[in-house]
Amino acid sequence: MRRVQITIRALAVVVLAIGLFGCGSPYPPAPIGTASVTHEYLIGPGDTLRIVVWHNPQVSATIPVRPDGKISTPLVQDMVAAGKTPVELAGDIKQALAKYIKDPIVTVMVTQFAGAYNQQIRVIGQATKPEALQYRKGMTLMDVMIAVGGMTPLAAGNDASIWRLVDGKRKQYSVRLDDLLNKGDMSANVAMRPGDVLVIPESTF
């Protein structure tokens, strides 16, 4: 009887391991849950900015961030915007305008997002609409799949993986898209990070 109990326990461990690591995936599973990520949006080339100078509409403007990461306004020429938060850029513009306007009050809003590459989540492979998405605080794998319209019929969802930069090194994690999207298994809904690359391979069957 004792030998039977040990065998049953051993089988249970094997089944649990298969459930945790997927169908023979060589990669560890991506961290589960929606753990909070400290994140402030950084302006990137291609973004559109609405710059409002209080009581000074003549120097307020809606402008794009150029490919070189700079912007130009009526009184501020060739200021670097890329890599700054909207608050930081507003402070820099305020300082530049102080030469012409007494105590300017400046607000910067991002009205159209493109973002720097390290602020994006890129989806490649068998997604319905493979594309680069702007990361949002609290973004999950489910959010990403909704944005790209799900998977194609050829996708091998449970063989998908996330490439992520961790401590300066690229690591690959397995994810279970079939379980998440087709079975509603929310334990497969993992937290995304800025800079993640989601790879959805094609099924071999």
Protein backbone atom coordinates (compact mmCIF):
# COMPACT_ATOMS: atom_id res chain seq x y z
CA MET A 1 0.00 0.00 0.00
CA ARG A 2 2.82 2.39 0.86
CA ARG A 3 4.45 1.75 -2.52
CA VAL A 4 1.16 2.59 -4.26
CA GLN A 5 0.86 5.85 -2.30
CA ILE A 6 4.41 6.86 -3.26
CA THR A 7 3.68 6.10 -6.91
CA ILE A 8 0.51 8.20 -6.84
CA ARG A 9 2.40 11.11 -5.29
CA ALA A 10 5.12 10.84 -7.92
CA LEU A 11 2.51 10.93 -10.69
CA ALA A 12 0.89 13.95 -9.11
CA VAL A 13 4.22 15.79 -9.13
CA VAL A 14 4.72 14.97 -12.83
CA VAL A 15 1.21 16.18 -13.72
CA LEU A 16 1.76 19.39 -11.76
CA ALA A 17 5.07 20.00 -13.53
CA ILE A 18 3.44 19.53 -16.92
CA GLY A 19 0.70 21.98 -15.97
CA LEU A 20 3.19 24.56 -14.80
CA PHE A 21 5.64 24.40 -17.65
CA GLY A 22 3.37 23.56 -20.57
CA CYS A 23 3.77 20.92 -23.22
CA GLY A 24 7.48 20.41 -22.98
CA SER A 25 8.37 24.10 -23.34
CA PRO A 26 12.09 24.68 -22.76
CA TYR A 27 11.35 28.13 -21.31
CA PRO A 28 10.17 29.00 -17.80
CA PRO A 29 6.62 30.37 -17.57
CA ALA A 30 6.18 34.14 -17.55
CA PRO A 31 5.45 35.62 -14.11
CA ILE A 32 1.73 35.24 -13.37
CA GLY A 33 -0.57 38.06 -12.33
CA THR A 34 -0.73 41.79 -12.86
CA ALA A 35 1.99 42.99 -10.52
CA SER A 36 2.28 46.76 -10.56
CA VAL A 37 5.09 48.27 -12.61
CA THR A 38 6.37 51.74 -11.82
CA HIS A 39 5.97 53.41 -15.17
CA GLU A 40 5.92 56.94 -16.47
CA TYR A 41 5.30 57.54 -20.14
CA LEU A 42 8.36 58.76 -22.01
CA ILE A 43 7.82 60.82 -25.13
CA GLY A 44 9.13 59.28 -28.34
CA PRO A 45 9.60 60.20 -32.02
CA GLY A 46 6.29 60.21 -33.86
CA ASP A 47 4.24 61.31 -30.83
CA THR A 48 1.94 64.31 -31.23
CA LEU A 49 2.07 66.83 -28.40
CA ARG A 50 -0.41 69.51 -27.37
CA ILE A 51 1.56 72.31 -25.70
CA VAL A 52 -0.57 74.84 -23.85
CA VAL A 53 0.89 78.05 -22.45
CA TRP A 54 -1.70 79.54 -20.11
CA HIS A 55 -3.08 82.89 -21.36
CA ASN A 56 -0.69 82.77 -24.33
CA PRO A 57 -2.50 81.02 -27.20
CA GLN A 58 -0.11 82.54 -29.74
CA VAL A 59 2.72 80.32 -28.43
CA SER A 60 0.55 77.28 -27.71
CA ALA A 61 0.66 74.59 -30.39
CA THR A 62 -0.05 71.00 -31.40
CA ILE A 63 3.13 69.59 -32.92
CA PRO A 64 4.73 66.26 -33.80
CA VAL A 65 7.97 64.98 -32.30
CA ARG A 66 10.42 64.76 -35.20
CA PRO A 67 12.35 61.56 -36.02
CA ASP A 68 15.40 63.12 -34.33
CA GLY A 69 13.37 63.39 -31.11
CA LYS A 70 13.18 67.18 -31.12
CA ILE A 71 10.36 69.72 -31.32
CA SER A 72 10.06 73.34 -32.39
CA THR A 73 7.45 75.86 -31.19
CA PRO A 74 7.06 79.56 -32.03
CA LEU A 75 9.57 80.59 -29.34
CA VAL A 76 11.41 77.33 -28.66
CA GLN A 77 13.53 75.82 -31.44
CA ASP A 78 15.04 72.33 -31.61
CA MET A 79 14.32 71.24 -28.05
CA VAL A 80 14.84 67.55 -27.26
CA ALA A 81 11.53 65.95 -26.29
CA ALA A 82 12.18 62.22 -26.74
CA GLY A 83 13.03 60.37 -23.55
CA LYS A 84 11.32 62.93 -21.30
CA THR A 85 8.03 62.68 -19.46
CA PRO A 86 5.39 65.30 -20.39
CA VAL A 87 5.99 66.98 -17.01
CA GLU A 88 9.75 67.16 -17.61
CA LEU A 89 9.28 68.62 -21.08
CA ALA A 90 6.79 71.18 -19.75
CA GLY A 91 9.42 72.27 -17.23
CA ASP A 92 12.06 72.67 -19.95
CA ILE A 93 9.69 74.67 -22.16
CA LYS A 94 8.74 76.86 -19.21
CA GLN A 95 12.39 77.62 -18.57
CA ALA A 96 12.98 78.51 -22.23
CA LEU A 97 9.86 80.71 -22.41
CA ALA A 98 10.80 82.59 -19.24
CA LYS A 99 13.09 84.72 -21.41
CA TYR A 100 10.02 86.11 -23.20
CA ILE A 101 7.02 85.56 -20.87
CA LYS A 102 6.81 86.32 -17.17
CA ASP A 103 6.10 83.22 -15.07
CA PRO A 104 4.73 81.06 -17.91
CA ILE A 105 2.46 78.16 -17.00
CA VAL A 106 3.03 75.28 -19.43
CA THR A 107 1.17 72.01 -19.86
CA VAL A 108 2.23 69.21 -22.23
CA MET A 109 -0.22 66.48 -23.26
CA VAL A 110 0.47 63.54 -25.56
CA THR A 111 -2.51 63.34 -27.92
CA GLN A 112 -1.20 60.62 -30.26
CA PHE A 113 1.20 57.94 -29.08
CA ALA A 114 4.03 56.24 -30.91
CA GLY A 115 6.58 55.99 -28.14
CA ALA A 116 10.19 54.86 -27.94
CA TYR A 117 10.91 51.21 -28.77
CA ASN A 118 11.65 50.35 -25.16
CA GLN A 119 8.17 51.65 -24.25
CA GLN A 120 6.39 49.42 -26.76
CA ILE A 121 5.13 45.85 -26.76
CA ARG A 122 5.72 44.18 -30.13
CA VAL A 123 3.64 41.23 -31.29
CA ILE A 124 5.00 39.09 -34.12
CA GLY A 125 4.00 35.84 -35.77
CA GLN A 126 0.50 34.37 -35.91
CA ALA A 127 -1.46 37.29 -34.46
CA THR A 128 -4.44 38.53 -36.46
CA LYS A 129 -2.84 41.99 -36.60
CA PRO A 130 0.86 41.80 -35.68
CA GLU A 131 1.94 45.25 -34.55
CA ALA A 132 3.75 47.37 -31.99
CA LEU A 133 1.58 48.61 -29.12
CA GLN A 134 2.22 51.40 -26.68
CA TYR A 135 2.68 49.99 -23.17
CA ARG A 136 0.12 51.12 -20.59
CA LYS A 137 0.46 50.74 -16.86
CA GLY A 138 -1.08 47.46 -15.67
CA MET A 139 -1.18 45.99 -19.20
CA THR A 140 -1.69 42.22 -19.35
CA LEU A 141 -1.35 39.51 -21.98
CA MET A 142 -5.14 39.55 -22.43
CA ASP A 143 -5.04 43.30 -23.16
CA VAL A 144 -2.37 42.73 -25.81
CA MET A 145 -4.30 39.93 -27.51
CA ILE A 146 -7.48 42.02 -27.62
CA ALA A 147 -5.53 44.87 -29.23
CA VAL A 148 -4.11 42.61 -31.98
CA GLY A 149 -7.42 40.84 -32.63
CA GLY A 150 -6.45 37.44 -31.24
CA MET A 151 -4.62 34.66 -33.10
CA THR A 152 -4.87 33.21 -36.58
CA PRO A 153 -6.20 29.64 -37.07
CA LEU A 154 -2.60 28.53 -37.72
CA ALA A 155 -1.28 29.75 -34.37
CA ALA A 156 0.27 27.42 -31.82
CA GLY A 157 -0.88 29.51 -28.88
CA ASN A 158 0.51 27.40 -26.06
CA ASP A 159 3.94 27.46 -27.72
CA ALA A 160 4.04 31.27 -27.69
CA SER A 161 6.72 33.08 -25.73
CA ILE A 162 7.71 36.48 -24.43
CA TRP A 163 11.19 37.89 -24.92
CA ARG A 164 11.98 40.28 -22.06
CA LEU A 165 14.99 42.31 -20.99
CA VAL A 166 15.85 41.39 -17.39
CA ASP A 167 18.91 42.87 -15.69
CA GLY A 168 20.40 43.74 -19.06
CA LYS A 169 19.90 40.24 -20.53
CA ARG A 170 17.23 38.94 -22.91
CA LYS A 171 15.21 36.11 -21.38
CA GLN A 172 12.49 34.00 -22.95
CA TYR A 173 9.34 32.97 -21.07
CA SER A 174 6.57 30.61 -22.16
CA VAL A 175 2.94 31.75 -22.25
CA ARG A 176 -0.29 29.79 -22.78
CA LEU A 177 -2.41 31.71 -25.26
CA ASP A 178 -4.67 28.75 -26.13
CA ASP A 179 -5.52 28.24 -22.47
CA LEU A 180 -6.12 31.97 -21.97
CA LEU A 181 -8.17 32.72 -25.07
CA ASN A 182 -9.90 29.42 -25.82
CA LYS A 183 -10.39 27.99 -22.34
CA GLY A 184 -10.72 31.18 -20.32
CA ASP A 185 -7.92 30.12 -17.97
CA MET A 186 -7.07 33.43 -16.29
CA SER A 187 -4.03 31.91 -14.59
CA ALA A 188 -2.43 32.27 -18.04
CA ASN A 189 -3.04 36.03 -18.05
CA VAL A 190 0.43 37.34 -17.23
CA ALA A 191 1.63 40.88 -16.62
CA MET A 192 3.37 42.58 -19.55
CA ARG A 193 6.38 44.88 -19.33
CA PRO A 194 7.61 47.77 -21.49
CA GLY A 195 9.86 46.41 -24.24
CA ASP A 196 8.33 42.90 -24.28
CA VAL A 197 8.23 41.01 -27.58
CA LEU A 198 5.43 38.43 -27.86
CA VAL A 199 6.22 35.69 -30.39
CA ILE A 200 3.33 33.49 -31.60
CA PRO A 201 4.60 30.57 -33.72
CA GLU A 202 2.76 28.65 -36.39
CA SER A 203 1.40 25.21 -35.55
CA THR A 204 3.29 22.27 -37.08
CA PHE A 205 0.11 20.16 -37.31
